[in-house]
């Protein structure tokens, strides 16, 4: 092989090696850039998911508090209704007892002191 051809061949090999090294460096840079972009995307997705989860938890707490308030109000209304019903029943029993006492003792109900007087 003539020396000029051997020199051209050696130069071509050196150029090929340099191009391969450059391609390898560029490939590594692209892989690193893709990795960085993927990590940033993952972090953004996690942040968004966390924000949505926190929002959901806050809404659930608000709904729970509202339901608790509603339940307490319903309980108050029911207790009030029961107290009123009980008081009415007791008042009715008391009236019946007052009416029945004189009859149980064999007496007629007493007239009011002012009813029997004539002017």
Foldseek 3Di string as FASTA:
>chain_A
DDPVVVVVVVVVVVVVVVVVVVVVVVVVVVVVVVVVVVVVVVVVVVVVVVVVVVVVVVVVVVVVVVVVVVVVVVVVVVVVVVVVVVVVVVVVVVVVCVCCVQVVVVHHDDDPPVPPDDD
